[in-house]
PDB file of N, CA and C in Angstrom:
ATOM      1  N   MET A   1      78.252 233.499 242.473  1.00  0.00           N
ATOM      2  CA  MET A   1      77.531 233.281 243.606  1.00  0.00           C
ATOM      3  C   MET A   1      76.693 231.856 243.922  1.00  0.00           C
ATOM      4  N   GLU A   2      76.351 231.443 242.692  1.00  0.00           N
ATOM      5  CA  GLU A   2      75.795 230.069 242.570  1.00  0.00           C
ATOM      6  C   GLU A   2      76.512 228.663 243.147  1.00  0.00           C
ATOM      7  N   VAL A   3      77.698 229.290 242.710  1.00  0.00           N
ATOM      8  CA  VAL A   3      79.155 228.284 243.147  1.00  0.00           C
ATOM      9  C   VAL A   3      79.394 228.446 244.623  1.00  0.00           C
ATOM     10  N   ILE A   4      79.188 229.164 245.274  1.00  0.00           N
ATOM     11  CA  ILE A   4      79.610 229.869 246.650  1.00  0.00           C
ATOM     12  C   ILE A   4      78.400 229.195 247.506  1.00  0.00           C
ATOM     13  N   CYS A   5      77.068 229.364 247.152  1.00  0.00           N
ATOM     14  CA  CYS A   5      76.192 228.689 247.746  1.00  0.00           C
ATOM     15  C   CYS A   5      75.768 226.972 247.541  1.00  0.00           C
ATOM     16  N   ALA A   6      76.196 226.790 246.439  1.00  0.00           N
ATOM     17  CA  ALA A   6      76.524 225.151 245.967  1.00  0.00           C
ATOM     18  C   ALA A   6      77.647 224.317 247.299  1.00  0.00           C
ATOM     19  N   ILE A   7      78.680 225.318 247.320  1.00  0.00           N
ATOM     20  CA  ILE A   7      79.669 224.606 248.242  1.00  0.00           C
ATOM     21  C   ILE A   7      79.283 224.560 249.831  1.00  0.00           C
ATOM     22  N   LEU A   8      78.578 225.902 250.274  1.00  0.00           N
ATOM     23  CA  LEU A   8      78.359 225.790 251.384  1.00  0.00           C
ATOM     24  C   LEU A   8      77.134 225.000 251.626  1.00  0.00           C
ATOM     25  N   THR A   9      76.255 224.557 250.941  1.00  0.00           N
ATOM     26  CA  THR A   9      75.116 223.427 250.848  1.00  0.00           C
ATOM     27  C   THR A   9      75.779 222.085 251.396  1.00  0.00           C
ATOM     28  N   ALA A  10      76.999 222.232 250.229  1.00  0.00           N
ATOM     29  CA  ALA A  10      77.626 220.752 250.283  1.00  0.00           C
ATOM     30  C   ALA A  10      78.728 220.849 251.641  1.00  0.00           C
ATOM     31  N   LEU A  11      78.529 221.681 251.868  1.00  0.00           N
ATOM     32  CA  LEU A  11      79.761 221.556 253.498  1.00  0.00           C
ATOM     33  C   LEU A  11      78.428 221.300 254.577  1.00  0.00           C
ATOM     34  N   PHE A  12      77.252 221.709 254.406  1.00  0.00           N
ATOM     35  CA  PHE A  12      76.489 221.749 255.541  1.00  0.00           C
ATOM     36  C   PHE A  12      75.814 220.222 255.258  1.00  0.00           C
ATOM     37  N   GLY A  13      75.812 219.557 254.252  1.00  0.00           N
ATOM     38  CA  GLY A  13      75.519 218.474 253.771  1.00  0.00           C
ATOM     39  C   GLY A  13      76.264 217.591 254.834  1.00  0.00           C
ATOM     40  N   ILE A  14      77.721 217.509 254.060  1.00  0.00           N
ATOM     41  CA  ILE A  14      78.671 216.609 255.242  1.00  0.00           C
ATOM     42  C   ILE A  14      78.475 216.578 256.669  1.00  0.00           C
ATOM     43  N   GLY A  15      78.311 218.152 257.071  1.00  0.00           N
ATOM     44  CA  GLY A  15      78.139 218.218 258.181  1.00  0.00           C
ATOM     45  C   GLY A  15      77.140 217.487 258.941  1.00  0.00           C
ATOM     46  N   PHE A  16      75.962 217.362 258.534  1.00  0.00           N
ATOM     47  CA  PHE A  16      74.626 217.281 258.611  1.00  0.00           C
ATOM     48  C   PHE A  16      74.586 215.432 258.602  1.00  0.00           C
ATOM     49  N   GLY A  17      75.287 214.926 257.672  1.00  0.00           N
ATOM     50  CA  GLY A  17      75.471 213.572 257.513  1.00  0.00           C
ATOM     51  C   GLY A  17      76.362 212.727 258.430  1.00  0.00           C
ATOM     52  N   ILE A  18      77.608 213.525 259.026  1.00  0.00           N
ATOM     53  CA  ILE A  18      78.606 212.806 260.231  1.00  0.00           C
ATOM     54  C   ILE A  18      77.698 213.148 261.227  1.00  0.00           C
ATOM     55  N   PHE A  19      76.721 214.598 261.842  1.00  0.00           N
ATOM     56  CA  PHE A  19      75.794 214.617 262.762  1.00  0.00           C
ATOM     57  C   PHE A  19      75.025 212.818 263.058  1.00  0.00           C
ATOM     58  N   MET A  20      74.513 212.676 261.731  1.00  0.00           N
ATOM     59  CA  MET A  20      73.327 211.613 261.518  1.00  0.00           C
ATOM     60  C   MET A  20      74.280 210.171 261.718  1.00  0.00           C
ATOM     61  N   ALA A  21      75.435 210.052 261.230  1.00  0.00           N
ATOM     62  CA  ALA A  21      76.449 208.789 261.276  1.00  0.00           C
ATOM     63  C   ALA A  21      76.581 208.690 262.980  1.00  0.00           C
ATOM     64  N   LEU A  22      77.020 209.952 263.800  1.00  0.00           N
ATOM     65  CA  LEU A  22      77.311 209.712 264.891  1.00  0.00           C
ATOM     66  C   LEU A  22      76.186 209.648 266.155  1.00  0.00           C
ATOM     67  N   HIS A  23      75.229 210.315 265.895  1.00  0.00           N
ATOM     68  CA  HIS A  23      74.322 210.450 266.714  1.00  0.00           C
ATOM     69  C   HIS A  23      72.941 210.046 266.228  1.00  0.00           C
ATOM     70  N   PRO A  24      72.675 209.014 265.574  1.00  0.00           N
ATOM     71  CA  PRO A  24      71.656 208.455 264.734  1.00  0.00           C
ATOM     72  C   PRO A  24      70.313 208.661 265.729  1.00  0.00           C
ATOM     73  N   GLU A  25      70.269 208.638 266.993  1.00  0.00           N
ATOM     74  CA  GLU A  25      68.600 208.753 267.763  1.00  0.00           C
ATOM     75  C   GLU A  25      68.432 210.442 267.587  1.00  0.00           C
ATOM     76  N   ASP A  26      69.458 211.244 267.680  1.00  0.00           N
ATOM     77  CA  ASP A  26      69.331 212.707 268.036  1.00  0.00           C
ATOM     78  C   ASP A  26      68.574 212.960 266.461  1.00  0.00           C
ATOM     79  N   ALA A  27      69.575 212.114 265.433  1.00  0.00           N
ATOM     80  CA  ALA A  27      69.110 212.780 263.961  1.00  0.00           C
ATOM     81  C   ALA A  27      67.351 212.157 264.024  1.00  0.00           C
ATOM     82  N   ILE A  28      67.119 211.423 264.415  1.00  0.00           N
ATOM     83  CA  ILE A  28      65.780 210.693 264.266  1.00  0.00           C
ATOM     84  C   ILE A  28      65.072 211.264 265.068  1.00  0.00           C
ATOM     85  N   ALA A  29      65.158 212.093 266.271  1.00  0.00           N
ATOM     86  CA  ALA A  29      64.534 212.589 266.972  1.00  0.00           C
ATOM     87  C   ALA A  29      64.018 214.055 266.305  1.00  0.00           C
ATOM     88  N   LEU A  30      64.906 214.638 265.396  1.00  0.00           N
ATOM     89  CA  LEU A  30      64.853 215.577 264.666  1.00  0.00           C
ATOM     90  C   LEU A  30      63.581 215.315 263.540  1.00  0.00           C
ATOM     91  N   ARG A  31      63.412 214.313 262.945  1.00  0.00           N
ATOM     92  CA  ARG A  31      62.747 214.258 261.830  1.00  0.00           C
ATOM     93  C   ARG A  31      61.462 213.815 262.599  1.00  0.00           C
ATOM     94  N   SER A  32      61.328 212.890 263.612  1.00  0.00           N
ATOM     95  CA  SER A  32      59.913 212.317 264.139  1.00  0.00           C
ATOM     96  C   SER A  32      59.386 212.871 265.620  1.00  0.00           C
ATOM     97  N   ARG A  33      60.022 213.428 266.060  1.00  0.00           N
ATOM     98  CA  ARG A  33      59.840 214.673 267.361  1.00  0.00           C
ATOM     99  C   ARG A  33      59.343 213.168 268.207  1.00  0.00           C
ATOM    100  N   ARG A  34      59.900 212.058 268.433  1.00  0.00           N
ATOM    101  CA  ARG A  34      58.993 211.084 269.447  1.00  0.00           C
ATOM    102  C   ARG A  34      59.348 211.551 270.826  1.00  0.00           C
ATOM    103  N   ARG A  35      60.403 212.536 271.156  1.00  0.00           N
ATOM    104  CA  ARG A  35      60.531 213.077 272.554  1.00  0.00           C
ATOM    105  C   ARG A  35      58.868 213.597 272.823  1.00  0.00           C
ATOM    106  N   TYR A  36      58.896 214.183 272.028  1.00  0.00           N
ATOM    107  CA  TYR A  36      57.110 215.115 272.300  1.00  0.00           C
ATOM    108  C   TYR A  36      55.837 214.396 271.997  1.00  0.00           C
ATOM    109  N   THR A  37      56.034 213.114 271.284  1.00  0.00           N
ATOM    110  CA  THR A  37      54.770 212.477 271.356  1.00  0.00           C
ATOM    111  C   THR A  37      55.265 211.169 271.846  1.00  0.00           C
ATOM    112  N   GLN A  38      54.137 210.098 272.005  1.00  0.00           N
ATOM    113  CA  GLN A  38      54.017 208.739 272.182  1.00  0.00           C
ATOM    114  C   GLN A  38      54.573 207.871 271.289  1.00  0.00           C
ATOM    115  N   VAL A  39      55.276 208.521 270.365  1.00  0.00           N
ATOM    116  CA  VAL A  39      55.786 207.530 269.410  1.00  0.00           C
ATOM    117  C   VAL A  39      56.712 206.350 270.327  1.00  0.00           C
ATOM    118  N   PRO A  40      57.122 204.886 269.941  1.00  0.00           N
ATOM    119  CA  PRO A  40      57.537 204.166 270.480  1.00  0.00           C
ATOM    120  C   PRO A  40      59.166 204.352 269.780  1.00  0.00           C
ATOM    121  N   GLU A  41      60.046 203.881 270.950  1.00  0.00           N
ATOM    122  CA  GLU A  41      61.706 204.281 270.571  1.00  0.00           C
ATOM    123  C   GLU A  41      62.155 203.244 268.958  1.00  0.00           C
ATOM    124  N   PRO A  42      62.703 203.720 268.714  1.00  0.00           N
ATOM    125  CA  PRO A  42      63.582 203.339 267.175  1.00  0.00           C
ATOM    126  C   PRO A  42      63.809 201.953 267.485  1.00  0.00           C
ATOM    127  N   THR A  43      63.786 200.966 266.338  1.00  0.00           N
ATOM    128  CA  THR A  43      64.779 199.510 266.559  1.00  0.00           C
ATOM    129  C   THR A  43      66.058 199.921 266.107  1.00  0.00           C
ATOM    130  N   GLU A  44      66.871 199.208 267.049  1.00  0.00           N
ATOM    131  CA  GLU A  44      68.178 199.209 266.358  1.00  0.00           C
ATOM    132  C   GLU A  44      68.543 198.884 264.856  1.00  0.00           C
ATOM    133  N   GLU A  45      67.547 198.495 264.184  1.00  0.00           N
ATOM    134  CA  GLU A  45      67.372 198.418 262.758  1.00  0.00           C
ATOM    135  C   GLU A  45      67.093 199.730 262.304  1.00  0.00           C
ATOM    136  N   TYR A  46      66.528 200.191 262.477  1.00  0.00           N
ATOM    137  CA  TYR A  46      66.266 201.818 262.072  1.00  0.00           C
ATOM    138  C   TYR A  46      67.213 202.766 262.510  1.00  0.00           C
ATOM    139  N   ILE A  47      68.148 202.151 263.601  1.00  0.00           N
ATOM    140  CA  ILE A  47      69.419 203.440 264.484  1.00  0.00           C
ATOM    141  C   ILE A  47      70.031 202.786 263.197  1.00  0.00           C
ATOM    142  N   LYS A  48      70.633 201.360 262.713  1.00  0.00           N
ATOM    143  CA  LYS A  48      71.862 201.279 261.881  1.00  0.00           C
ATOM    144  C   LYS A  48      71.338 201.925 260.201  1.00  0.00           C
ATOM    145  N   LEU A  49      70.177 201.978 259.998  1.00  0.00           N
ATOM    146  CA  LEU A  49      70.273 202.632 258.783  1.00  0.00           C
ATOM    147  C   LEU A  49      69.898 203.710 258.594  1.00  0.00           C
ATOM    148  N   THR A  50      69.927 204.706 260.112  1.00  0.00           N
ATOM    149  CA  THR A  50      70.227 205.863 259.726  1.00  0.00           C
ATOM    150  C   THR A  50      71.338 206.470 259.770  1.00  0.00           C
ATOM    151  N   ARG A  51      72.168 205.630 260.632  1.00  0.00           N
ATOM    152  CA  ARG A  51      73.512 205.742 260.708  1.00  0.00           C
ATOM    153  C   ARG A  51      74.063 205.487 259.082  1.00  0.00           C
ATOM    154  N   LEU A  52      73.756 204.910 258.494  1.00  0.00           N
ATOM    155  CA  LEU A  52      74.290 204.298 256.995  1.00  0.00           C
ATOM    156  C   LEU A  52      73.983 205.278 256.175  1.00  0.00           C
ATOM    157  N   GLU A  53      72.715 205.815 256.225  1.00  0.00           N
ATOM    158  CA  GLU A  53      72.061 207.206 255.369  1.00  0.00           C
ATOM    159  C   GLU A  53      72.943 208.456 255.920  1.00  0.00           C
ATOM    160  N   GLY A  54      73.652 208.527 256.824  1.00  0.00           N
ATOM    161  CA  GLY A  54      74.429 209.912 257.506  1.00  0.00           C
ATOM    162  C   GLY A  54      75.659 209.729 256.495  1.00  0.00           C
ATOM    163  N   ILE A  55      75.965 208.288 256.592  1.00  0.00           N
ATOM    164  CA  ILE A  55      77.423 208.227 255.706  1.00  0.00           C
ATOM    165  C   ILE A  55      77.202 208.337 254.264  1.00  0.00           C
ATOM    166  N   VAL A  56      75.881 208.141 253.394  1.00  0.00           N
ATOM    167  CA  VAL A  56      75.841 208.177 252.043  1.00  0.00           C
ATOM    168  C   VAL A  56      75.328 209.426 252.102  1.00  0.00           C
ATOM    169  N   VAL A  57      74.882 210.425 252.729  1.00  0.00           N
ATOM    170  CA  VAL A  57      74.545 211.815 252.839  1.00  0.00           C
ATOM    171  C   VAL A  57      76.388 212.182 252.654  1.00  0.00           C
ATOM    172  N   SER A  58      77.139 212.044 253.845  1.00  0.00           N
ATOM    173  CA  SER A  58      78.442 212.489 253.659  1.00  0.00           C
ATOM    174  C   SER A  58      79.080 212.432 252.802  1.00  0.00           C
ATOM    175  N   VAL A  59      78.935 211.112 251.979  1.00  0.00           N
ATOM    176  CA  VAL A  59      79.955 210.866 250.697  1.00  0.00           C
ATOM    177  C   VAL A  59      79.205 211.702 249.450  1.00  0.00           C
ATOM    178  N   LEU A  60      78.164 211.584 249.673  1.00  0.00           N
ATOM    179  CA  LEU A  60      77.672 212.258 248.189  1.00  0.00           C
ATOM    180  C   LEU A  60      77.821 213.619 248.250  1.00  0.00           C
ATOM    181  N   CYS A  61      77.706 214.172 249.231  1.00  0.00           N
ATOM    182  CA  CYS A  61      78.295 215.757 249.827  1.00  0.00           C
ATOM    183  C   CYS A  61      79.600 216.204 249.637  1.00  0.00           C
ATOM    184  N   ALA A  62      80.320 215.213 249.540  1.00  0.00           N
ATOM    185  CA  ALA A  62      82.024 215.350 249.679  1.00  0.00           C
ATOM    186  C   ALA A  62      82.528 215.374 248.329  1.00  0.00           C
ATOM    187  N   VAL A  63      81.492 214.441 247.146  1.00  0.00           N
ATOM    188  CA  VAL A  63      81.566 214.008 245.969  1.00  0.00           C
ATOM    189  C   VAL A  63      81.465 215.326 245.085  1.00  0.00           C
ATOM    190  N   LEU A  64      79.862 215.968 245.585  1.00  0.00           N
ATOM    191  CA  LEU A  64      79.662 216.920 245.017  1.00  0.00           C
ATOM    192  C   LEU A  64      80.928 217.967 245.324  1.00  0.00           C
ATOM    193  N   LEU A  65      81.342 218.673 246.222  1.00  0.00           N
ATOM    194  CA  LEU A  65      82.424 219.354 246.698  1.00  0.00           C
ATOM    195  C   LEU A  65      83.075 219.167 245.719  1.00  0.00           C
ATOM    196  N   VAL A  66      83.745 218.180 245.636  1.00  0.00           N
ATOM    197  CA  VAL A  66      85.064 217.961 245.003  1.00  0.00           C
ATOM    198  C   VAL A  66      84.713 218.432 243.632  1.00  0.00           C
ATOM    199  N   VAL A  67      83.605 217.969 243.292  1.00  0.00           N
ATOM    200  CA  VAL A  67      83.330 218.275 241.611  1.00  0.00           C
ATOM    201  C   VAL A  67      83.073 219.684 241.599  1.00  0.00           C
ATOM    202  N   LEU A  68      82.370 220.289 242.274  1.00  0.00           N
ATOM    203  CA  LEU A  68      82.137 222.067 242.339  1.00  0.00           C
ATOM    204  C   LEU A  68      83.754 222.902 242.330  1.00  0.00           C
ATOM    205  N   LEU A  69      84.178 222.224 243.341  1.00  0.00           N
ATOM    206  CA  LEU A  69      85.829 222.792 243.242  1.00  0.00           C
ATOM    207  C   LEU A  69      86.438 222.564 242.310  1.00  0.00           C
ATOM    208  N   PHE A  70      86.762 221.521 241.758  1.00  0.00           N
ATOM    209  CA  PHE A  70      87.728 221.131 240.388  1.00  0.00           C
ATOM    210  C   PHE A  70      87.315 220.918 239.088  1.00  0.00           C
ATOM    211  N   ALA A  71      85.402 221.481 238.959  1.00  0.00           N
ATOM    212  CA  ALA A  71      84.941 221.636 237.633  1.00  0.00           C
ATOM    213  C   ALA A  71      85.798 222.410 236.883  1.00  0.00           C
ATOM    214  N   PRO A  72      85.855 222.301 235.549  1.00  0.00           N
ATOM    215  CA  PRO A  72      86.232 223.539 234.613  1.00  0.00           C
ATOM    216  C   PRO A  72      85.440 224.270 234.542  1.00  0.00           C
ATOM    217  N   GLN A  73      85.936 225.758 234.613  1.00  0.00           N
ATOM    218  CA  GLN A  73      85.008 227.118 234.565  1.00  0.00           C
ATOM    219  C   GLN A  73      84.689 227.130 233.010  1.00  0.00           C
TER     220      GLN A  73
END
């Protein structure tokens, strides 16, 4: 049961990482809620860092998924 939960968490992490990489402005809005407050728009550098963070999250979750699927029981 724990392995199934870990696999589902890894798949969710991969999906969210891809979302962050493809739509960094929306991922930033999830964190800061800038659409509902008067926080200034994110800079291009912050958007690039968010995109990079999404790629890193996806890769780490994919590695976790491979380890969980092919680890000896």
